[in-house]
Amino acid sequence: MGQRGEDIRIRAARKEDIPTIVEIVNAYAAQDLMLPRSPKEVERTLSSWVVADADGRVVGCGALSLLSPELAEIRSLAVAPDMAGRGIGRAIVEHLVERARALHIKQVAALTLQQGFFERLGFRRVDRWALSPKIWSECVYCPKFHRCDEIAVAMDLVLPEQEETPDYVHAPVMLRMT
């Protein structure tokens, strides 16, 4: 991922990342493309955030918010404008989906203005009312609640214990460590 030799990796957000996370998210919020986040809010939920790190520079972010034991939401997915189109948003979403799987979450959802982006990653459009833990715990307090323009999307996760075991014996797998 990346261009011109950039090494971009997704990692857990750290306290020193908060100003950059807030800057990236709030630049899109100023365009009414997502909800703003305050530094205190990001700090309070820091363990749910990941960042895309390009050679030491935070160039994207996203959070996985647990809404119920079975439902998580991807929030505040944003990529620095100068880094758009390089697969960073996709990498963040894939990382957060894997985190949800590891937590045995059954469904991951998002409210978005970029429905096509999420559909290309395996999400499907759903009725926002189907995400009732989200609606009644947070959306109801949003200033855009009665005129919400976001589209609800969701992905049902297949947990490792639900996968069928094939009838054949697996060959050894070599992993390349980078």
Protein backbone atom coordinates (compact mmCIF):
# COMPACT_ATOMS: atom_id res chain seq x y z
CA MET A 1 0.00 0.00 0.00
CA GLY A 2 1.18 3.51 -0.68
CA GLN A 3 3.29 5.08 -3.36
CA ARG A 4 6.84 6.36 -3.71
CA GLY A 5 8.20 3.85 -1.23
CA GLU A 6 5.85 4.78 1.60
CA ASP A 7 5.42 2.17 4.27
CA ILE A 8 1.81 2.46 5.46
CA ARG A 9 0.62 0.33 8.33
CA ILE A 10 -2.51 0.23 10.45
CA ARG A 11 -1.83 0.40 14.18
CA ALA A 12 -3.57 1.20 17.44
CA ALA A 13 -3.95 4.91 18.03
CA ARG A 14 -1.80 6.51 20.71
CA LYS A 15 -2.35 9.60 22.81
CA GLU A 16 0.05 11.63 20.67
CA ASP A 17 -2.13 10.83 17.61
CA ILE A 18 -5.20 12.59 19.02
CA PRO A 19 -4.54 16.07 17.52
CA THR A 20 -4.03 14.61 14.04
CA ILE A 21 -7.10 12.35 14.33
CA VAL A 22 -9.22 15.34 15.33
CA GLU A 23 -7.74 17.45 12.51
CA ILE A 24 -8.45 14.83 9.82
CA VAL A 25 -11.97 14.04 11.04
CA ASN A 26 -12.99 17.63 11.66
CA ALA A 27 -11.80 18.74 8.20
CA TYR A 28 -14.46 16.42 6.76
CA ALA A 29 -16.97 17.47 9.45
CA ALA A 30 -16.50 21.10 8.35
CA GLN A 31 -17.73 19.98 4.91
CA ASP A 32 -20.74 18.26 6.57
CA LEU A 33 -19.41 14.87 5.46
CA MET A 34 -19.15 13.37 8.95
CA LEU A 35 -19.74 14.27 12.56
CA PRO A 36 -17.03 16.22 14.38
CA ARG A 37 -14.98 14.69 17.18
CA SER A 38 -13.45 16.58 20.09
CA PRO A 39 -10.03 15.80 21.51
CA LYS A 40 -11.67 14.75 24.80
CA GLU A 41 -14.05 12.40 22.98
CA VAL A 42 -11.21 10.78 21.04
CA GLU A 43 -9.12 10.47 24.20
CA ARG A 44 -12.05 8.89 26.09
CA THR A 45 -12.49 6.29 23.33
CA LEU A 46 -8.82 5.99 22.30
CA SER A 47 -8.73 2.20 22.68
CA SER A 48 -11.31 1.88 19.90
CA TRP A 49 -9.26 3.91 17.38
CA VAL A 50 -6.71 2.84 14.80
CA VAL A 51 -4.59 5.01 12.55
CA ALA A 52 -2.88 4.57 9.22
CA ASP A 53 0.76 5.45 9.76
CA ALA A 54 2.82 6.41 6.69
CA ASP A 55 6.46 6.48 7.74
CA GLY A 56 5.58 8.13 11.06
CA ARG A 57 2.81 10.43 9.76
CA VAL A 58 -0.83 9.69 10.67
CA VAL A 59 -2.69 9.77 7.35
CA GLY A 60 -5.99 8.10 8.26
CA CYS A 61 -8.11 6.91 11.14
CA GLY A 62 -11.18 5.00 12.16
CA ALA A 63 -12.79 3.59 15.26
CA LEU A 64 -14.70 0.43 16.13
CA SER A 65 -17.42 1.22 18.65
CA LEU A 66 -19.08 -1.70 20.42
CA LEU A 67 -22.82 -1.01 20.51
CA SER A 68 -23.94 -4.36 21.90
CA PRO A 69 -22.40 -7.81 22.39
CA GLU A 70 -23.40 -8.59 18.78
CA LEU A 71 -23.08 -5.23 16.97
CA ALA A 72 -20.14 -2.87 16.38
CA GLU A 73 -19.98 0.32 14.34
CA ILE A 74 -17.14 1.66 12.24
CA ARG A 75 -16.95 5.38 12.99
CA SER A 76 -15.03 8.39 11.83
CA LEU A 77 -13.33 6.64 8.93
CA ALA A 78 -11.21 9.35 7.34
CA VAL A 79 -8.08 9.63 5.22
CA ALA A 80 -5.97 12.75 4.79
CA PRO A 81 -7.02 14.31 1.45
CA ASP A 82 -3.50 14.16 0.01
CA MET A 83 -3.45 10.39 0.65
CA ALA A 84 -6.90 9.55 -0.77
CA GLY A 85 -7.21 6.82 -3.38
CA ARG A 86 -4.34 4.68 -2.12
CA GLY A 87 -6.33 1.95 -0.38
CA ILE A 88 -5.86 3.39 3.10
CA GLY A 89 -9.58 3.57 3.91
CA ARG A 90 -10.01 -0.02 2.74
CA ALA A 91 -7.09 -1.16 4.92
CA ILE A 92 -8.56 0.59 7.97
CA VAL A 93 -11.99 -0.99 7.43
CA GLU A 94 -10.49 -4.45 6.89
CA HIS A 95 -8.45 -4.06 10.09
CA LEU A 96 -11.53 -2.99 12.09
CA VAL A 97 -13.60 -5.87 10.68
CA GLU A 98 -10.88 -8.33 11.75
CA ARG A 99 -10.86 -6.74 15.20
CA ALA A 100 -14.64 -7.25 15.40
CA ARG A 101 -14.22 -10.90 14.39
CA ALA A 102 -11.61 -11.39 17.12
CA LEU A 103 -14.13 -9.96 19.61
CA HIS A 104 -16.80 -12.42 18.32
CA ILE A 105 -19.03 -9.60 17.08
CA LYS A 106 -21.69 -10.89 14.69
CA GLN A 107 -22.34 -7.71 12.69
CA VAL A 108 -20.40 -4.57 11.82
CA ALA A 109 -22.28 -1.49 10.64
CA ALA A 110 -21.56 2.03 9.52
CA LEU A 111 -23.56 5.14 8.76
CA THR A 112 -22.04 6.70 5.67
CA LEU A 113 -22.38 9.02 2.73
CA GLN A 114 -20.09 6.66 0.78
CA GLN A 115 -22.37 3.65 0.34
CA GLY A 116 -20.49 2.37 -2.74
CA PHE A 117 -17.17 2.29 -0.89
CA PHE A 118 -18.61 0.05 1.83
CA GLU A 119 -20.51 -2.13 -0.66
CA ARG A 120 -17.22 -2.85 -2.50
CA LEU A 121 -15.90 -4.15 0.85
CA GLY A 122 -18.80 -6.56 1.35
CA PHE A 123 -21.28 -4.41 3.28
CA ARG A 124 -24.93 -4.18 2.25
CA ARG A 125 -27.46 -1.40 2.70
CA VAL A 126 -29.79 -1.92 5.67
CA ASP A 127 -32.64 -0.02 7.25
CA ARG A 128 -31.14 2.32 9.82
CA TRP A 129 -33.86 1.26 12.28
CA ALA A 130 -32.40 -2.25 12.18
CA LEU A 131 -29.42 -0.79 14.05
CA SER A 132 -31.52 0.01 17.10
CA PRO A 133 -28.65 0.02 19.64
CA LYS A 134 -27.02 2.76 17.55
CA ILE A 135 -30.21 4.73 16.99
CA TRP A 136 -31.31 4.83 20.59
CA SER A 137 -27.92 5.16 22.26
CA GLU A 138 -26.48 7.90 20.07
CA CYS A 139 -28.35 8.95 16.94
CA VAL A 140 -31.30 10.25 18.90
CA TYR A 141 -28.97 12.94 20.36
CA CYS A 142 -27.52 13.98 16.99
CA PRO A 143 -28.55 17.39 15.64
CA LYS A 144 -29.13 15.71 12.26
CA PHE A 145 -31.40 12.98 13.68
CA HIS A 146 -34.61 14.13 11.97
CA ARG A 147 -32.86 15.01 8.70
CA CYS A 148 -30.15 12.37 8.61
CA ASP A 149 -28.65 11.93 5.16
CA GLU A 150 -26.40 9.00 6.04
CA ILE A 151 -26.99 5.51 4.70
CA ALA A 152 -26.83 2.51 7.01
CA VAL A 153 -24.68 -0.38 5.82
CA ALA A 154 -23.84 -3.63 7.57
CA MET A 155 -21.74 -6.75 7.21
CA ASP A 156 -22.59 -10.04 8.87
CA LEU A 157 -19.41 -11.69 10.12
CA VAL A 158 -18.64 -15.36 9.91
CA LEU A 159 -16.79 -16.19 13.08
CA PRO A 160 -13.96 -18.76 12.95
CA GLU A 161 -15.95 -21.38 14.89
CA GLN A 162 -18.80 -21.06 12.37
CA GLU A 163 -16.67 -21.87 9.34
CA GLU A 164 -16.97 -25.36 7.95
CA THR A 165 -13.88 -27.52 8.23
CA PRO A 166 -12.93 -28.91 4.81
CA ASP A 167 -12.71 -32.69 4.33
CA TYR A 168 -9.12 -32.54 3.14
CA VAL A 169 -5.94 -32.02 5.12
CA HIS A 170 -4.47 -28.55 4.81
CA ALA A 171 -1.00 -28.23 3.35
CA PRO A 172 1.51 -26.24 5.41
CA VAL A 173 1.26 -22.50 4.84
CA MET A 174 4.31 -20.29 4.57
CA LEU A 175 3.90 -16.75 5.86
CA ARG A 176 6.11 -13.96 4.73
CA MET A 177 6.93 -11.64 7.59
CA THR A 178 7.38 -7.99 6.72
